[in-house]
C-alpha atoms as a PDB file:
ATOM      1  CA  TRP A   1      66.092 -22.538 -72.980  1.00  0.00           C
ATOM      2  CA  TYR A   2      62.482 -21.493 -72.418  1.00  0.00           C
ATOM      3  CA  GLN A   3      63.002 -18.029 -73.928  1.00  0.00           C
ATOM      4  CA  ARG A   4      64.672 -19.545 -77.013  1.00  0.00           C
ATOM      5  CA  ARG A   5      61.743 -21.909 -77.417  1.00  0.00           C
ATOM      6  CA  VAL A   6      59.168 -19.104 -77.093  1.00  0.00           C
ATOM      7  CA  HIS A   7      61.143 -16.941 -79.530  1.00  0.00           C
ATOM      8  CA  GLY A   8      61.338 -19.864 -81.969  1.00  0.00           C
ATOM      9  CA  HIS A   9      57.584 -20.390 -81.738  1.00  0.00           C
ATOM     10  CA  LYS A  10      56.888 -16.700 -82.348  1.00  0.00           C
ATOM     11  CA  LEU A  11      59.176 -16.777 -85.390  1.00  0.00           C
ATOM     12  CA  TRP A  12      57.370 -19.855 -86.710  1.00  0.00           C
ATOM     13  CA  VAL A  13      53.956 -18.160 -86.264  1.00  0.00           C
ATOM     14  CA  GLN A  14      55.201 -15.075 -88.123  1.00  0.00           C
ATOM     15  CA  GLN A  15      56.479 -17.249 -90.983  1.00  0.00           C
ATOM     16  CA  GLN A  16      53.181 -19.116 -91.188  1.00  0.00           C
ATOM     17  CA  LEU A  17      51.194 -15.877 -91.256  1.00  0.00           C
ATOM     18  CA  ALA A  18      53.440 -14.485 -94.007  1.00  0.00           C
ATOM     19  CA  ALA A  19      52.985 -17.690 -96.021  1.00  0.00           C
ATOM     20  CA  GLN A  20      49.191 -17.573 -95.645  1.00  0.00           C
ATOM     21  CA  THR A  21      49.123 -13.918 -96.637  1.00  0.00           C
ATOM     22  CA  SER A  22      51.146 -14.640 -99.770  1.00  0.00           C
ATOM     23  CA  LEU A  23      48.793 -17.514-100.646  1.00  0.00           C
ATOM     24  CA  VAL A  24      45.841 -15.144-100.373  1.00  0.00           C
ATOM     25  CA  GLU A  25      47.598 -12.696-102.691  1.00  0.00           C
ATOM     26  CA  VAL A  26      48.514 -15.435-105.190  1.00  0.00           C
ATOM     27  CA  ALA A  27      44.919 -16.711-105.192  1.00  0.00           C
ATOM     28  CA  GLY A  28      43.788 -13.264-106.316  1.00  0.00           C
ATOM     29  CA  LEU A  29      41.803 -12.523-103.197  1.00  0.00           C
ATOM     30  CA  GLY A  30      43.977  -9.522-102.412  1.00  0.00           C
ATOM     31  CA  THR A  31      43.036  -7.641-105.573  1.00  0.00           C
ATOM     32  CA  GLY A  32      39.833  -5.669-105.761  1.00  0.00           C
ATOM     33  CA  GLU A  33      37.890  -7.748-103.237  1.00  0.00           C
ATOM     34  CA  PRO A  34      38.721  -6.468 -99.757  1.00  0.00           C
ATOM     35  CA  ASP A  35      35.818  -8.326 -98.126  1.00  0.00           C
ATOM     36  CA  ALA A  36      36.859 -11.728 -99.484  1.00  0.00           C
ATOM     37  CA  ALA A  37      40.487 -11.231 -98.503  1.00  0.00           C
ATOM     38  CA  SER A  38      39.525  -9.929 -95.057  1.00  0.00           C
ATOM     39  CA  ALA A  39      37.235 -12.893 -94.435  1.00  0.00           C
ATOM     40  CA  CYS A  40      39.948 -15.318 -95.510  1.00  0.00           C
ATOM     41  CA  ILE A  41      42.593 -13.713 -93.309  1.00  0.00           C
ATOM     42  CA  ALA A  42      40.121 -13.446 -90.426  1.00  0.00           C
ATOM     43  CA  THR A  43      39.343 -17.160 -90.761  1.00  0.00           C
ATOM     44  CA  ALA A  44      43.054 -18.046 -90.777  1.00  0.00           C
ATOM     45  CA  THR A  45      43.657 -15.846 -87.744  1.00  0.00           C
ATOM     46  CA  ALA A  46      40.680 -17.275 -85.872  1.00  0.00           C
ATOM     47  CA  SER A  47      41.743 -20.862 -86.551  1.00  0.00           C
ATOM     48  CA  SER A  48      45.252 -20.141 -85.290  1.00  0.00           C
ATOM     49  CA  GLY A  49      43.845 -18.924 -81.995  1.00  0.00           C
ATOM     50  CA  GLY A  50      44.602 -15.223 -82.430  1.00  0.00           C
ATOM     51  CA  GLY A  51      41.929 -12.606 -82.971  1.00  0.00           C
ATOM     52  CA  GLN A  52      38.279 -13.233 -83.642  1.00  0.00           C
ATOM     53  CA  ARG A  53      36.422 -13.981 -86.838  1.00  0.00           C
ATOM     54  CA  ARG A  54      34.015 -11.281 -87.898  1.00  0.00           C
ATOM     55  CA  GLU A  55      30.449 -12.109 -87.033  1.00  0.00           C
ATOM     56  CA  GLY A  56      28.352 -13.168 -90.009  1.00  0.00           C
ATOM     57  CA  THR A  57      31.247 -14.322 -92.203  1.00  0.00           C
ATOM     58  CA  LEU A  58      31.680 -17.894 -93.299  1.00  0.00           C
ATOM     59  CA  PRO A  59      35.070 -19.526 -93.666  1.00  0.00           C
ATOM     60  CA  MET A  60      36.191 -19.431 -97.283  1.00  0.00           C
ATOM     61  CA  LYS A  61      37.286 -22.592 -99.016  1.00  0.00           C
ATOM     62  CA  GLN A  62      40.826 -22.098-100.238  1.00  0.00           C
ATOM     63  CA  PRO A  63      41.512 -22.948-103.876  1.00  0.00           C
ATOM     64  CA  VAL A  64      43.863 -25.889-104.199  1.00  0.00           C
ATOM     65  CA  PRO A  65      46.835 -25.090-106.435  1.00  0.00           C
ATOM     66  CA  PRO A  66      47.685 -27.778-108.986  1.00  0.00           C
ATOM     67  CA  GLN A  67      50.418 -30.107-107.785  1.00  0.00           C
ATOM     68  CA  LEU A  68      53.432 -31.084-109.817  1.00  0.00           C
ATOM     69  CA  MET A  69      53.310 -34.596-111.222  1.00  0.00           C
ATOM     70  CA  PHE A  70      56.439 -36.601-110.545  1.00  0.00           C
ATOM     71  CA  PRO A  71      57.425 -39.908-112.185  1.00  0.00           C
ATOM     72  CA  GLY A  72      55.122 -42.659-110.943  1.00  0.00           C
ATOM     73  CA  ASP A  73      52.349 -40.313-109.777  1.00  0.00           C
ATOM     74  CA  TRP A  74      48.885 -41.148-111.063  1.00  0.00           C
ATOM     75  CA  HIS A  75      45.311 -39.868-111.128  1.00  0.00           C
ATOM     76  CA  CYS A  76      42.589 -42.050-109.650  1.00  0.00           C
ATOM     77  CA  PRO A  77      40.301 -43.314-112.433  1.00  0.00           C
ATOM     78  CA  ALA A  78      37.305 -43.273-110.059  1.00  0.00           C
ATOM     79  CA  CYS A  79      37.531 -39.800-108.484  1.00  0.00           C
ATOM     80  CA  GLY A  80      40.373 -38.062-110.348  1.00  0.00           C
ATOM     81  CA  ASP A  81      42.410 -37.297-107.216  1.00  0.00           C
ATOM     82  CA  HIS A  82      46.176 -36.884-107.653  1.00  0.00           C
ATOM     83  CA  GLN A  83      48.006 -39.817-106.060  1.00  0.00           C
ATOM     84  CA  PHE A  84      51.678 -40.107-105.237  1.00  0.00           C
ATOM     85  CA  ALA A  85      53.742 -42.966-106.646  1.00  0.00           C
ATOM     86  CA  LYS A  86      53.934 -44.720-103.254  1.00  0.00           C
ATOM     87  CA  ASN A  87      50.135 -45.116-102.998  1.00  0.00           C
ATOM     88  CA  ARG A  88      48.691 -48.426-104.164  1.00  0.00           C
ATOM     89  CA  THR A  89      45.122 -47.315-103.531  1.00  0.00           C
ATOM     90  CA  CYS A  90      43.425 -43.936-103.776  1.00  0.00           C
ATOM     91  CA  ARG A  91      43.578 -42.039-100.485  1.00  0.00           C
ATOM     92  CA  SER A  92      40.213 -40.369-101.250  1.00  0.00           C
ATOM     93  CA  CYS A  93      37.978 -43.200-102.437  1.00  0.00           C
ATOM     94  CA  GLY A  94      40.070 -46.361-101.946  1.00  0.00           C
ATOM     95  CA  ALA A  95      40.088 -47.409-105.626  1.00  0.00           C
ATOM     96  CA  VAL A  96      42.960 -49.701-106.625  1.00  0.00           C
ATOM     97  CA  ARG A  97      45.796 -48.241-108.699  1.00  0.00           C
ATOM     98  CA  PRO A  98      45.289 -49.138-112.381  1.00  0.00           C
ATOM     99  CA  PRO A  99      47.944 -51.420-113.907  1.00  0.00           C
ATOM    100  CA  THR A 100      48.625 -48.900-116.686  1.00  0.00           C
ATOM    101  CA  SER A 101      50.047 -46.398-114.184  1.00  0.00           C
ATOM    102  CA  TRP A 102      52.925 -48.628-113.047  1.00  0.00           C
END
């Protein structure tokens, strides 16, 4: 059972790395800017415990892709954060859900 668990964990790590690499490519960091892409991948690798981050590089802030709006979702009038339909208050600033969004 231990070997199956270790193999499953290794498979999960490989899938996560592939997903992060594809996000870097989708964000446009993989085209024409090898330093930015390398720093981003190095940061992801360092945070996952494997490898070391290059000295002198800062972690890059990942761009947040726009989320799909589903029925009942709303934007906070105070901070503009996207809220899910289940939230009655903003999870970022705590503002109350406006009555017009029900």
